[in-house]
Amino acid sequence: MSDFYGFVKDYMQICECDKLSKYCKIGHNVCINRDDAEGIYWFYESEDFIVSIHDFFIKKEMVQTKCPDMNDFMRFSSSYIITANGESFNPYQTLTSNVLYIIDLKNAYKDYRFLLHAGSPYLSVEINFKQPMIEKYMSSLTDKNTVCYSDIFFDTKSIITKSLEPLAKDILNCKMESPAAEIFFEAKAKEWLSLTIDAFLSKKNSSLSESDDKAIRNVAKYLDDHYAINVHQETLEKIAMMSGTKLKKLFKQKYQMSITEYSQRKRMNMAEILLLNSNLNIKEIAESVGYSSHSKFSTYYKKYKGTYPKDIKRHVSKKITDTCNCDK
């Protein structure tokens, strides 16, 4: 097994903190207290993977232009973001709630740029797959001329995000002790990879036609631009130039969620940005994303974000994080 803890210790210039007990006992807890961020970095390493949790509060804009060389420890990083406000570049990926963030560690050194905005929490659960695990389960899927490992991860990220949400939350809330915890994390890592592979095979075997795919993407873009209003089904049918039944079926096939859920998630993501970065009160934010009812907005926000808007406002105003305040 690699000495990933040694790498973390040297790279971040910090040691393990034994005062923290927020996450599973079998992992390592690292307490972060810097000018730009504070919080917890937790991880558990096995021979095939590394499970980690990033639980930070970003105090001032964080820009990272270099990815550390971690090829000795992992090949691909797949992160389910619970909450965040930022962007990653080359390739461009939005870092916000309920999205999957992929890093190809072999190629991450090429024009790597990572930006997190000040005044916002960053909470994610990730599985970092090592090369032997990738080779064992994915080598039969690749073709040197058409398909590579990176394609499998990036082409399926939008499809499996919803399926990975419960896995990520199970990992986040795991309080098991050894040896049950080791078995639990192995099962979750394999399920995570299994969902990725299954989505790739399903997409390959039942891909949309080029014209249908373009039509569905047009519908999604229209919803993105008009998230704050209730768009009539008939309007979307005209945009896609297909029947309502076909539109609903193909939209769910491509995005793994209904049109209604897609719109609601978009609204909640925009609401989160406003909660984290504006002085608007919750009622004003609810109205700006299309909800006349404050209570209905709060209910939906809790459903998709796991917490109430008032808790986000309280968190931002107090900037409280679960650190141990130990000396660095």
C-alpha atoms as a PDB file:
ATOM      1  CA  MET A   1       0.000   0.000   0.000  1.00  0.00           C
ATOM      2  CA  SER A   2       1.251   3.512  -0.798  1.00  0.00           C
ATOM      3  CA  ASP A   3       2.117   5.994   1.918  1.00  0.00           C
ATOM      4  CA  PHE A   4      -0.599   8.481   1.068  1.00  0.00           C
ATOM      5  CA  TYR A   5      -0.635   9.842   4.609  1.00  0.00           C
ATOM      6  CA  GLY A   6       3.053  10.678   4.237  1.00  0.00           C
ATOM      7  CA  PHE A   7       2.283  12.512   1.013  1.00  0.00           C
ATOM      8  CA  VAL A   8      -0.548  14.494   2.629  1.00  0.00           C
ATOM      9  CA  LYS A   9       1.664  15.353   5.590  1.00  0.00           C
ATOM     10  CA  ASP A  10       4.501  16.630   3.382  1.00  0.00           C
ATOM     11  CA  TYR A  11       2.350  18.402   0.791  1.00  0.00           C
ATOM     12  CA  MET A  12      -0.010  20.155   3.202  1.00  0.00           C
ATOM     13  CA  GLN A  13       2.647  20.634   5.917  1.00  0.00           C
ATOM     14  CA  ILE A  14       0.319  19.350   8.624  1.00  0.00           C
ATOM     15  CA  CYS A  15      -0.104  16.265  10.763  1.00  0.00           C
ATOM     16  CA  GLU A  16      -3.061  14.134  11.752  1.00  0.00           C
ATOM     17  CA  CYS A  17      -5.320  15.617  14.389  1.00  0.00           C
ATOM     18  CA  ASP A  18      -6.541  13.217  17.081  1.00  0.00           C
ATOM     19  CA  LYS A  19      -9.003  15.766  18.477  1.00  0.00           C
ATOM     20  CA  LEU A  20     -11.465  15.330  15.587  1.00  0.00           C
ATOM     21  CA  SER A  21     -14.156  12.661  15.612  1.00  0.00           C
ATOM     22  CA  LYS A  22     -16.681  13.876  13.054  1.00  0.00           C
ATOM     23  CA  TYR A  23     -16.061  11.073  10.544  1.00  0.00           C
ATOM     24  CA  CYS A  24     -15.310   7.344  10.609  1.00  0.00           C
ATOM     25  CA  LYS A  25     -12.664   6.290  13.156  1.00  0.00           C
ATOM     26  CA  ILE A  26     -10.639   4.087  10.807  1.00  0.00           C
ATOM     27  CA  GLY A  27      -9.669   7.038   8.606  1.00  0.00           C
ATOM     28  CA  HIS A  28      -7.183   9.872   9.062  1.00  0.00           C
ATOM     29  CA  ASN A  29      -8.336  13.318  10.170  1.00  0.00           C
ATOM     30  CA  VAL A  30      -6.409  16.378   9.069  1.00  0.00           C
ATOM     31  CA  CYS A  31      -7.364  19.759  10.496  1.00  0.00           C
ATOM     32  CA  ILE A  32      -7.023  22.656   8.039  1.00  0.00           C
ATOM     33  CA  ASN A  33      -6.629  26.197   9.343  1.00  0.00           C
ATOM     34  CA  ARG A  34      -5.222  28.532   6.696  1.00  0.00           C
ATOM     35  CA  ASP A  35      -5.790  32.086   5.524  1.00  0.00           C
ATOM     36  CA  ASP A  36      -8.003  30.942   2.646  1.00  0.00           C
ATOM     37  CA  ALA A  37      -9.787  27.938   4.162  1.00  0.00           C
ATOM     38  CA  GLU A  38     -10.510  26.024   7.342  1.00  0.00           C
ATOM     39  CA  GLY A  39     -12.085  22.675   8.015  1.00  0.00           C
ATOM     40  CA  ILE A  40     -11.408  18.950   7.827  1.00  0.00           C
ATOM     41  CA  TYR A  41      -9.817  16.624   5.324  1.00  0.00           C
ATOM     42  CA  TRP A  42     -10.592  12.975   6.138  1.00  0.00           C
ATOM     43  CA  PHE A  43      -9.446   9.912   4.204  1.00  0.00           C
ATOM     44  CA  TYR A  44      -9.235   6.130   4.359  1.00  0.00           C
ATOM     45  CA  GLU A  45      -6.823   4.201   2.138  1.00  0.00           C
ATOM     46  CA  SER A  46      -6.980   0.585   0.931  1.00  0.00           C
ATOM     47  CA  GLU A  47      -4.891  -1.238  -1.663  1.00  0.00           C
ATOM     48  CA  ASP A  48      -7.332  -0.356  -4.459  1.00  0.00           C
ATOM     49  CA  PHE A  49      -8.795   3.025  -3.549  1.00  0.00           C
ATOM     50  CA  ILE A  50      -8.797   6.048  -1.253  1.00  0.00           C
ATOM     51  CA  VAL A  51     -12.070   7.371   0.157  1.00  0.00           C
ATOM     52  CA  SER A  52     -11.928  10.995   1.220  1.00  0.00           C
ATOM     53  CA  ILE A  53     -14.126  13.782   2.537  1.00  0.00           C
ATOM     54  CA  HIS A  54     -13.426  17.491   2.005  1.00  0.00           C
ATOM     55  CA  ASP A  55     -15.273  19.583   4.586  1.00  0.00           C
ATOM     56  CA  PHE A  56     -14.027  23.174   4.325  1.00  0.00           C
ATOM     57  CA  PHE A  57     -15.221  26.736   4.614  1.00  0.00           C
ATOM     58  CA  ILE A  58     -13.617  28.971   1.980  1.00  0.00           C
ATOM     59  CA  LYS A  59     -12.645  32.235   3.689  1.00  0.00           C
ATOM     60  CA  LYS A  60     -11.225  34.008   0.663  1.00  0.00           C
ATOM     61  CA  GLU A  61     -11.098  33.205  -3.029  1.00  0.00           C
ATOM     62  CA  MET A  62      -8.969  30.115  -3.558  1.00  0.00           C
ATOM     63  CA  VAL A  63      -7.178  29.674  -6.863  1.00  0.00           C
ATOM     64  CA  GLN A  64      -5.039  26.632  -7.538  1.00  0.00           C
ATOM     65  CA  THR A  65      -3.041  26.493 -10.762  1.00  0.00           C
ATOM     66  CA  LYS A  66      -1.080  23.314 -10.156  1.00  0.00           C
ATOM     67  CA  CYS A  67      -2.250  19.801  -9.368  1.00  0.00           C
ATOM     68  CA  PRO A  68       0.197  17.858  -7.188  1.00  0.00           C
ATOM     69  CA  ASP A  69       1.633  14.692  -8.706  1.00  0.00           C
ATOM     70  CA  MET A  70      -0.476  11.905  -7.201  1.00  0.00           C
ATOM     71  CA  ASN A  71       0.003   9.233  -9.852  1.00  0.00           C
ATOM     72  CA  ASP A  72       1.679   6.991  -7.278  1.00  0.00           C
ATOM     73  CA  PHE A  73      -1.490   7.016  -5.184  1.00  0.00           C
ATOM     74  CA  MET A  74      -4.484   7.230  -7.516  1.00  0.00           C
ATOM     75  CA  ARG A  75      -5.482   7.232 -11.198  1.00  0.00           C
ATOM     76  CA  PHE A  76      -8.945   8.815 -11.243  1.00  0.00           C
ATOM     77  CA  SER A  77     -10.753  10.906  -8.665  1.00  0.00           C
ATOM     78  CA  SER A  78     -14.562  10.899  -8.722  1.00  0.00           C
ATOM     79  CA  SER A  79     -16.136  13.389  -6.289  1.00  0.00           C
ATOM     80  CA  TYR A  80     -19.784  13.832  -5.434  1.00  0.00           C
ATOM     81  CA  ILE A  81     -20.131  17.473  -4.406  1.00  0.00           C
ATOM     82  CA  ILE A  82     -22.726  18.080  -1.729  1.00  0.00           C
ATOM     83  CA  THR A  83     -22.181  21.817  -1.643  1.00  0.00           C
ATOM     84  CA  ALA A  84     -19.672  24.160  -3.304  1.00  0.00           C
ATOM     85  CA  ASN A  85     -19.323  27.366  -5.269  1.00  0.00           C
ATOM     86  CA  GLY A  86     -16.585  27.341  -7.887  1.00  0.00           C
ATOM     87  CA  GLU A  87     -15.214  26.094 -11.177  1.00  0.00           C
ATOM     88  CA  SER A  88     -12.517  23.796 -12.488  1.00  0.00           C
ATOM     89  CA  PHE A  89     -10.955  24.315 -15.902  1.00  0.00           C
ATOM     90  CA  ASN A  90      -9.390  22.219 -18.683  1.00  0.00           C
ATOM     91  CA  PRO A  91     -11.844  20.614 -18.974  1.00  0.00           C
ATOM     92  CA  TYR A  92     -14.399  23.076 -17.610  1.00  0.00           C
ATOM     93  CA  GLN A  93     -16.519  21.692 -14.773  1.00  0.00           C
ATOM     94  CA  THR A  94     -18.920  23.633 -12.578  1.00  0.00           C
ATOM     95  CA  LEU A  95     -18.369  23.008  -8.882  1.00  0.00           C
ATOM     96  CA  THR A  96     -21.753  23.283  -7.262  1.00  0.00           C
ATOM     97  CA  SER A  97     -24.193  21.110  -5.361  1.00  0.00           C
ATOM     98  CA  ASN A  98     -25.256  17.717  -6.694  1.00  0.00           C
ATOM     99  CA  VAL A  99     -22.642  17.420  -9.419  1.00  0.00           C
ATOM    100  CA  LEU A 100     -19.890  14.912 -10.052  1.00  0.00           C
ATOM    101  CA  TYR A 101     -16.361  16.268 -10.336  1.00  0.00           C
ATOM    102  CA  ILE A 102     -13.836  14.106 -12.208  1.00  0.00           C
ATOM    103  CA  ILE A 103     -10.049  14.446 -12.213  1.00  0.00           C
ATOM    104  CA  ASP A 104      -7.849  12.420 -14.548  1.00  0.00           C
ATOM    105  CA  LEU A 105      -4.706  12.413 -12.405  1.00  0.00           C
ATOM    106  CA  LYS A 106      -2.489  11.226 -15.240  1.00  0.00           C
ATOM    107  CA  ASN A 107      -3.294  14.362 -17.255  1.00  0.00           C
ATOM    108  CA  ALA A 108      -4.196  16.825 -14.497  1.00  0.00           C
ATOM    109  CA  TYR A 109      -0.877  18.636 -14.796  1.00  0.00           C
ATOM    110  CA  LYS A 110      -1.932  20.031 -18.197  1.00  0.00           C
ATOM    111  CA  ASP A 111      -3.202  23.591 -17.636  1.00  0.00           C
ATOM    112  CA  TYR A 112      -4.837  22.658 -14.323  1.00  0.00           C
ATOM    113  CA  ARG A 113      -6.915  25.460 -12.789  1.00  0.00           C
ATOM    114  CA  PHE A 114      -9.267  25.253  -9.840  1.00  0.00           C
ATOM    115  CA  LEU A 115     -11.286  28.137  -8.388  1.00  0.00           C
ATOM    116  CA  LEU A 116     -13.426  28.270  -5.237  1.00  0.00           C
ATOM    117  CA  HIS A 117     -15.267  31.450  -4.290  1.00  0.00           C
ATOM    118  CA  ALA A 118     -14.982  33.131  -0.918  1.00  0.00           C
ATOM    119  CA  GLY A 119     -17.657  32.889   1.725  1.00  0.00           C
ATOM    120  CA  SER A 120     -18.908  29.417   0.846  1.00  0.00           C
ATOM    121  CA  PRO A 121     -18.653  25.887   2.241  1.00  0.00           C
ATOM    122  CA  TYR A 122     -17.112  23.056   0.248  1.00  0.00           C
ATOM    123  CA  LEU A 123     -18.324  19.580   1.157  1.00  0.00           C
ATOM    124  CA  SER A 124     -17.632  16.578  -1.049  1.00  0.00           C
ATOM    125  CA  VAL A 125     -17.217  12.815  -0.854  1.00  0.00           C
ATOM    126  CA  GLU A 126     -14.823  11.204  -3.291  1.00  0.00           C
ATOM    127  CA  ILE A 127     -13.496   7.831  -4.330  1.00  0.00           C
ATOM    128  CA  ASN A 128      -9.957   7.918  -5.674  1.00  0.00           C
ATOM    129  CA  PHE A 129      -9.408   4.803  -7.752  1.00  0.00           C
ATOM    130  CA  LYS A 130      -5.913   3.358  -7.992  1.00  0.00           C
ATOM    131  CA  GLN A 131      -4.502   2.018 -11.240  1.00  0.00           C
ATOM    132  CA  PRO A 132      -4.796  -1.715 -10.331  1.00  0.00           C
ATOM    133  CA  MET A 133      -8.533  -1.356  -9.628  1.00  0.00           C
ATOM    134  CA  ILE A 134      -9.050   0.560 -12.873  1.00  0.00           C
ATOM    135  CA  GLU A 135      -7.189  -2.092 -14.860  1.00  0.00           C
ATOM    136  CA  LYS A 136      -8.996  -4.964 -13.165  1.00  0.00           C
ATOM    137  CA  TYR A 137     -12.520  -3.764 -13.859  1.00  0.00           C
ATOM    138  CA  MET A 138     -12.264  -1.417 -16.846  1.00  0.00           C
ATOM    139  CA  SER A 139      -9.547  -2.668 -19.200  1.00  0.00           C
ATOM    140  CA  SER A 140     -12.015  -4.727 -21.246  1.00  0.00           C
ATOM    141  CA  LEU A 141     -14.055  -1.586 -22.005  1.00  0.00           C
ATOM    142  CA  THR A 142     -11.319   0.427 -23.617  1.00  0.00           C
ATOM    143  CA  ASP A 143     -10.262   0.666 -27.223  1.00  0.00           C
ATOM    144  CA  LYS A 144      -7.015   2.437 -28.022  1.00  0.00           C
ATOM    145  CA  ASN A 145      -8.569   4.046 -31.079  1.00  0.00           C
ATOM    146  CA  THR A 146     -11.953   5.122 -29.740  1.00  0.00           C
ATOM    147  CA  VAL A 147     -12.414   4.719 -25.973  1.00  0.00           C
ATOM    148  CA  CYS A 148     -10.095   5.379 -23.029  1.00  0.00           C
ATOM    149  CA  TYR A 149     -10.557   5.352 -19.248  1.00  0.00           C
ATOM    150  CA  SER A 150     -11.040   9.108 -19.199  1.00  0.00           C
ATOM    151  CA  ASP A 151     -13.939   8.827 -21.666  1.00  0.00           C
ATOM    152  CA  ILE A 152     -15.728   6.346 -19.419  1.00  0.00           C
ATOM    153  CA  PHE A 153     -15.573   8.648 -16.393  1.00  0.00           C
ATOM    154  CA  PHE A 154     -16.324  11.941 -18.133  1.00  0.00           C
ATOM    155  CA  ASP A 155     -19.032  10.642 -20.486  1.00  0.00           C
ATOM    156  CA  THR A 156     -21.067   9.160 -17.621  1.00  0.00           C
ATOM    157  CA  LYS A 157     -20.699  11.835 -14.936  1.00  0.00           C
ATOM    158  CA  SER A 158     -24.036  13.540 -15.625  1.00  0.00           C
ATOM    159  CA  ILE A 159     -25.824  10.193 -15.901  1.00  0.00           C
ATOM    160  CA  ILE A 160     -24.772   8.712 -12.551  1.00  0.00           C
ATOM    161  CA  THR A 161     -24.762  11.809 -10.342  1.00  0.00           C
ATOM    162  CA  LYS A 162     -28.197  11.139  -8.896  1.00  0.00           C
ATOM    163  CA  SER A 163     -27.370   7.468  -8.252  1.00  0.00           C
ATOM    164  CA  LEU A 164     -24.182   8.392  -6.390  1.00  0.00           C
ATOM    165  CA  GLU A 165     -25.927  10.805  -4.027  1.00  0.00           C
ATOM    166  CA  PRO A 166     -27.068   8.127  -1.517  1.00  0.00           C
ATOM    167  CA  LEU A 167     -23.650   6.411  -1.662  1.00  0.00           C
ATOM    168  CA  ALA A 168     -21.900   9.665  -0.857  1.00  0.00           C
ATOM    169  CA  LYS A 169     -24.204  10.370   2.065  1.00  0.00           C
ATOM    170  CA  ASP A 170     -23.753   6.827   3.407  1.00  0.00           C
ATOM    171  CA  ILE A 171     -19.982   7.374   3.411  1.00  0.00           C
ATOM    172  CA  LEU A 172     -20.364  10.792   5.010  1.00  0.00           C
ATOM    173  CA  ASN A 173     -22.467   9.364   7.847  1.00  0.00           C
ATOM    174  CA  CYS A 174     -20.545   6.128   8.393  1.00  0.00           C
ATOM    175  CA  LYS A 175     -19.650   5.594  12.065  1.00  0.00           C
ATOM    176  CA  MET A 176     -18.649   1.920  11.828  1.00  0.00           C
ATOM    177  CA  GLU A 177     -15.561   0.516  13.473  1.00  0.00           C
ATOM    178  CA  SER A 178     -13.042  -2.012  12.191  1.00  0.00           C
ATOM    179  CA  PRO A 179     -13.449  -4.523  10.581  1.00  0.00           C
ATOM    180  CA  ALA A 180     -17.003  -3.596   9.519  1.00  0.00           C
ATOM    181  CA  ALA A 181     -15.871  -0.185   8.238  1.00  0.00           C
ATOM    182  CA  GLU A 182     -13.257  -1.657   5.893  1.00  0.00           C
ATOM    183  CA  ILE A 183     -15.859  -3.958   4.346  1.00  0.00           C
ATOM    184  CA  PHE A 184     -18.311  -1.056   4.080  1.00  0.00           C
ATOM    185  CA  PHE A 185     -15.888   1.223   2.230  1.00  0.00           C
ATOM    186  CA  GLU A 186     -14.799  -1.532  -0.139  1.00  0.00           C
ATOM    187  CA  ALA A 187     -18.432  -2.231  -1.007  1.00  0.00           C
ATOM    188  CA  LYS A 188     -19.137   1.474  -1.614  1.00  0.00           C
ATOM    189  CA  ALA A 189     -16.054   1.918  -3.805  1.00  0.00           C
ATOM    190  CA  LYS A 190     -17.000  -1.089  -5.937  1.00  0.00           C
ATOM    191  CA  GLU A 191     -20.617   0.075  -6.201  1.00  0.00           C
ATOM    192  CA  TRP A 192     -19.418   3.543  -7.236  1.00  0.00           C
ATOM    193  CA  LEU A 193     -17.283   2.059 -10.019  1.00  0.00           C
ATOM    194  CA  SER A 194     -20.020  -0.408 -10.957  1.00  0.00           C
ATOM    195  CA  LEU A 195     -22.496   2.425 -11.526  1.00  0.00           C
ATOM    196  CA  THR A 196     -19.935   4.199 -13.716  1.00  0.00           C
ATOM    197  CA  ILE A 197     -19.322   1.109 -15.843  1.00  0.00           C
ATOM    198  CA  ASP A 198     -23.025   0.249 -16.104  1.00  0.00           C
ATOM    199  CA  ALA A 199     -23.852   3.788 -17.230  1.00  0.00           C
ATOM    200  CA  PHE A 200     -21.135   3.618 -19.890  1.00  0.00           C
ATOM    201  CA  LEU A 201     -22.415   0.308 -21.245  1.00  0.00           C
ATOM    202  CA  SER A 202     -26.039   1.473 -21.179  1.00  0.00           C
ATOM    203  CA  LYS A 203     -25.166   4.671 -23.005  1.00  0.00           C
ATOM    204  CA  LYS A 204     -23.159   2.734 -25.559  1.00  0.00           C
ATOM    205  CA  ASN A 205     -25.978   0.256 -26.202  1.00  0.00           C
ATOM    206  CA  SER A 206     -28.890   2.697 -26.210  1.00  0.00           C
ATOM    207  CA  SER A 207     -27.523   6.052 -27.251  1.00  0.00           C
ATOM    208  CA  LEU A 208     -29.825   8.719 -28.620  1.00  0.00           C
ATOM    209  CA  SER A 209     -29.740   9.588 -32.281  1.00  0.00           C
ATOM    210  CA  GLU A 210     -27.796  12.738 -33.088  1.00  0.00           C
ATOM    211  CA  SER A 211     -30.975  14.696 -33.851  1.00  0.00           C
ATOM    212  CA  ASP A 212     -32.780  13.535 -30.693  1.00  0.00           C
ATOM    213  CA  ASP A 213     -29.734  14.253 -28.542  1.00  0.00           C
ATOM    214  CA  LYS A 214     -29.512  17.786 -29.946  1.00  0.00           C
ATOM    215  CA  ALA A 215     -33.239  18.328 -29.349  1.00  0.00           C
ATOM    216  CA  ILE A 216     -33.031  17.202 -25.716  1.00  0.00           C
ATOM    217  CA  ARG A 217     -29.972  19.378 -25.113  1.00  0.00           C
ATOM    218  CA  ASN A 218     -31.889  22.351 -26.519  1.00  0.00           C
ATOM    219  CA  VAL A 219     -34.701  21.674 -24.065  1.00  0.00           C
ATOM    220  CA  ALA A 220     -32.227  21.492 -21.163  1.00  0.00           C
ATOM    221  CA  LYS A 221     -30.555  24.753 -22.218  1.00  0.00           C
ATOM    222  CA  TYR A 222     -33.956  26.448 -22.467  1.00  0.00           C
ATOM    223  CA  LEU A 223     -34.793  25.275 -18.950  1.00  0.00           C
ATOM    224  CA  ASP A 224     -31.409  26.550 -17.740  1.00  0.00           C
ATOM    225  CA  ASP A 225     -32.169  30.007 -19.129  1.00  0.00           C
ATOM    226  CA  HIS A 226     -35.770  30.085 -17.859  1.00  0.00           C
ATOM    227  CA  TYR A 227     -35.437  28.299 -14.519  1.00  0.00           C
ATOM    228  CA  ALA A 228     -37.334  31.007 -12.607  1.00  0.00           C
ATOM    229  CA  ILE A 229     -40.605  30.598 -14.528  1.00  0.00           C
ATOM    230  CA  ASN A 230     -42.976  27.689 -14.980  1.00  0.00           C
ATOM    231  CA  VAL A 231     -42.406  26.564 -18.555  1.00  0.00           C
ATOM    232  CA  HIS A 232     -45.396  24.888 -20.188  1.00  0.00           C
ATOM    233  CA  GLN A 233     -44.982  21.360 -21.498  1.00  0.00           C
ATOM    234  CA  GLU A 234     -46.315  22.444 -24.890  1.00  0.00           C
ATOM    235  CA  THR A 235     -43.468  24.945 -25.231  1.00  0.00           C
ATOM    236  CA  LEU A 236     -40.861  22.257 -24.623  1.00  0.00           C
ATOM    237  CA  GLU A 237     -42.557  19.924 -27.110  1.00  0.00           C
ATOM    238  CA  LYS A 238     -42.329  22.630 -29.764  1.00  0.00           C
ATOM    239  CA  ILE A 239     -38.645  23.240 -28.972  1.00  0.00           C
ATOM    240  CA  ALA A 240     -37.856  19.531 -29.228  1.00  0.00           C
ATOM    241  CA  MET A 241     -40.285  18.975 -32.110  1.00  0.00           C
ATOM    242  CA  MET A 242     -41.535  15.738 -30.583  1.00  0.00           C
ATOM    243  CA  SER A 243     -44.530  14.438 -28.638  1.00  0.00           C
ATOM    244  CA  GLY A 244     -44.777  14.900 -24.896  1.00  0.00           C
ATOM    245  CA  THR A 245     -44.415  11.172 -24.258  1.00  0.00           C
ATOM    246  CA  LYS A 246     -41.252  10.895 -26.339  1.00  0.00           C
ATOM    247  CA  LEU A 247     -39.802  14.074 -24.838  1.00  0.00           C
ATOM    248  CA  LYS A 248     -40.268  12.847 -21.262  1.00  0.00           C
ATOM    249  CA  LYS A 249     -38.790   9.442 -22.074  1.00  0.00           C
ATOM    250  CA  LEU A 250     -35.703  10.734 -23.894  1.00  0.00           C
ATOM    251  CA  PHE A 251     -35.075  13.537 -21.399  1.00  0.00           C
ATOM    252  CA  LYS A 252     -35.026  11.047 -18.527  1.00  0.00           C
ATOM    253  CA  GLN A 253     -32.842   8.678 -20.549  1.00  0.00           C
ATOM    254  CA  LYS A 254     -30.248  11.410 -21.083  1.00  0.00           C
ATOM    255  CA  TYR A 255     -30.308  13.144 -17.685  1.00  0.00           C
ATOM    256  CA  GLN A 256     -31.586  10.351 -15.404  1.00  0.00           C
ATOM    257  CA  MET A 257     -34.283  12.613 -14.001  1.00  0.00           C
ATOM    258  CA  SER A 258     -37.609  14.078 -15.034  1.00  0.00           C
ATOM    259  CA  ILE A 259     -37.979  17.522 -16.587  1.00  0.00           C
ATOM    260  CA  THR A 260     -39.610  18.738 -13.380  1.00  0.00           C
ATOM    261  CA  GLU A 261     -36.762  17.505 -11.209  1.00  0.00           C
ATOM    262  CA  TYR A 262     -34.193  18.995 -13.598  1.00  0.00           C
ATOM    263  CA  SER A 263     -35.856  22.411 -13.258  1.00  0.00           C
ATOM    264  CA  GLN A 264     -36.146  22.132  -9.481  1.00  0.00           C
ATOM    265  CA  ARG A 265     -32.477  21.193  -9.111  1.00  0.00           C
ATOM    266  CA  LYS A 266     -31.488  24.136 -11.294  1.00  0.00           C
ATOM    267  CA  ARG A 267     -33.551  26.458  -9.118  1.00  0.00           C
ATOM    268  CA  MET A 268     -31.981  25.096  -5.943  1.00  0.00           C
ATOM    269  CA  ASN A 269     -28.463  25.483  -7.346  1.00  0.00           C
ATOM    270  CA  MET A 270     -29.145  29.108  -8.227  1.00  0.00           C
ATOM    271  CA  ALA A 271     -30.740  29.665  -4.831  1.00  0.00           C
ATOM    272  CA  GLU A 272     -27.645  28.263  -3.148  1.00  0.00           C
ATOM    273  CA  ILE A 273     -25.427  30.756  -4.978  1.00  0.00           C
ATOM    274  CA  LEU A 274     -27.651  33.599  -3.779  1.00  0.00           C
ATOM    275  CA  LEU A 275     -27.735  32.280  -0.212  1.00  0.00           C
ATOM    276  CA  LEU A 276     -23.952  32.120  -0.125  1.00  0.00           C
ATOM    277  CA  ASN A 277     -23.120  35.313  -1.976  1.00  0.00           C
ATOM    278  CA  SER A 278     -25.892  37.880  -1.611  1.00  0.00           C
ATOM    279  CA  ASN A 279     -27.570  39.942   1.092  1.00  0.00           C
ATOM    280  CA  LEU A 280     -31.052  38.962  -0.080  1.00  0.00           C
ATOM    281  CA  ASN A 281     -33.294  37.420   2.555  1.00  0.00           C
ATOM    282  CA  ILE A 282     -34.745  33.950   2.060  1.00  0.00           C
ATOM    283  CA  LYS A 283     -38.142  35.211   0.893  1.00  0.00           C
ATOM    284  CA  GLU A 284     -36.486  37.364  -1.784  1.00  0.00           C
ATOM    285  CA  ILE A 285     -34.306  34.458  -2.911  1.00  0.00           C
ATOM    286  CA  ALA A 286     -37.320  32.157  -3.105  1.00  0.00           C
ATOM    287  CA  GLU A 287     -39.124  34.635  -5.343  1.00  0.00           C
ATOM    288  CA  SER A 288     -36.060  35.171  -7.554  1.00  0.00           C
ATOM    289  CA  VAL A 289     -35.911  31.451  -8.396  1.00  0.00           C
ATOM    290  CA  GLY A 290     -39.635  31.110  -9.024  1.00  0.00           C
ATOM    291  CA  TYR A 291     -41.320  30.288  -5.703  1.00  0.00           C
ATOM    292  CA  SER A 292     -44.024  32.519  -4.291  1.00  0.00           C
ATOM    293  CA  SER A 293     -44.300  30.312  -1.205  1.00  0.00           C
ATOM    294  CA  HIS A 294     -41.444  30.617   1.289  1.00  0.00           C
ATOM    295  CA  SER A 295     -42.328  27.293   2.921  1.00  0.00           C
ATOM    296  CA  LYS A 296     -42.519  25.425  -0.401  1.00  0.00           C
ATOM    297  CA  PHE A 297     -39.104  26.770  -1.362  1.00  0.00           C
ATOM    298  CA  SER A 298     -37.621  25.674   1.971  1.00  0.00           C
ATOM    299  CA  THR A 299     -39.124  22.200   1.574  1.00  0.00           C
ATOM    300  CA  TYR A 300     -37.624  21.747  -1.883  1.00  0.00           C
ATOM    301  CA  TYR A 301     -34.286  23.141  -0.775  1.00  0.00           C
ATOM    302  CA  LYS A 302     -34.143  20.643   2.099  1.00  0.00           C
ATOM    303  CA  LYS A 303     -35.060  17.838  -0.327  1.00  0.00           C
ATOM    304  CA  TYR A 304     -32.263  18.568  -2.800  1.00  0.00           C
ATOM    305  CA  LYS A 305     -29.591  20.110  -0.575  1.00  0.00           C
ATOM    306  CA  GLY A 306     -30.075  18.220   2.668  1.00  0.00           C
ATOM    307  CA  THR A 307     -30.439  21.343   4.791  1.00  0.00           C
ATOM    308  CA  TYR A 308     -32.774  24.327   5.125  1.00  0.00           C
ATOM    309  CA  PRO A 309     -32.024  27.760   3.610  1.00  0.00           C
ATOM    310  CA  LYS A 310     -32.022  29.338   7.070  1.00  0.00           C
ATOM    311  CA  ASP A 311     -29.222  26.980   8.123  1.00  0.00           C
ATOM    312  CA  ILE A 312     -27.106  28.045   5.144  1.00  0.00           C
ATOM    313  CA  LYS A 313     -27.632  31.700   5.992  1.00  0.00           C
ATOM    314  CA  ARG A 314     -26.717  31.029   9.611  1.00  0.00           C
ATOM    315  CA  HIS A 315     -23.606  29.108   8.567  1.00  0.00           C
ATOM    316  CA  VAL A 316     -22.383  31.865   6.264  1.00  0.00           C
ATOM    317  CA  SER A 317     -23.046  34.667   8.729  1.00  0.00           C
ATOM    318  CA  LYS A 318     -21.212  32.930  11.562  1.00  0.00           C
ATOM    319  CA  LYS A 319     -18.626  31.150   9.367  1.00  0.00           C
ATOM    320  CA  ILE A 320     -18.546  28.261  11.818  1.00  0.00           C
ATOM    321  CA  THR A 321     -16.658  25.082  10.923  1.00  0.00           C
ATOM    322  CA  ASP A 322     -15.973  21.922  12.837  1.00  0.00           C
ATOM    323  CA  THR A 323     -12.263  22.447  13.399  1.00  0.00           C
ATOM    324  CA  CYS A 324     -10.398  21.682  16.568  1.00  0.00           C
ATOM    325  CA  ASN A 325      -8.469  24.987  16.544  1.00  0.00           C
ATOM    326  CA  CYS A 326      -5.285  23.108  17.284  1.00  0.00           C
ATOM    327  CA  ASP A 327      -1.965  24.807  16.694  1.00  0.00           C
ATOM    328  CA  LYS A 328      -0.348  24.247  13.311  1.00  0.00           C
END
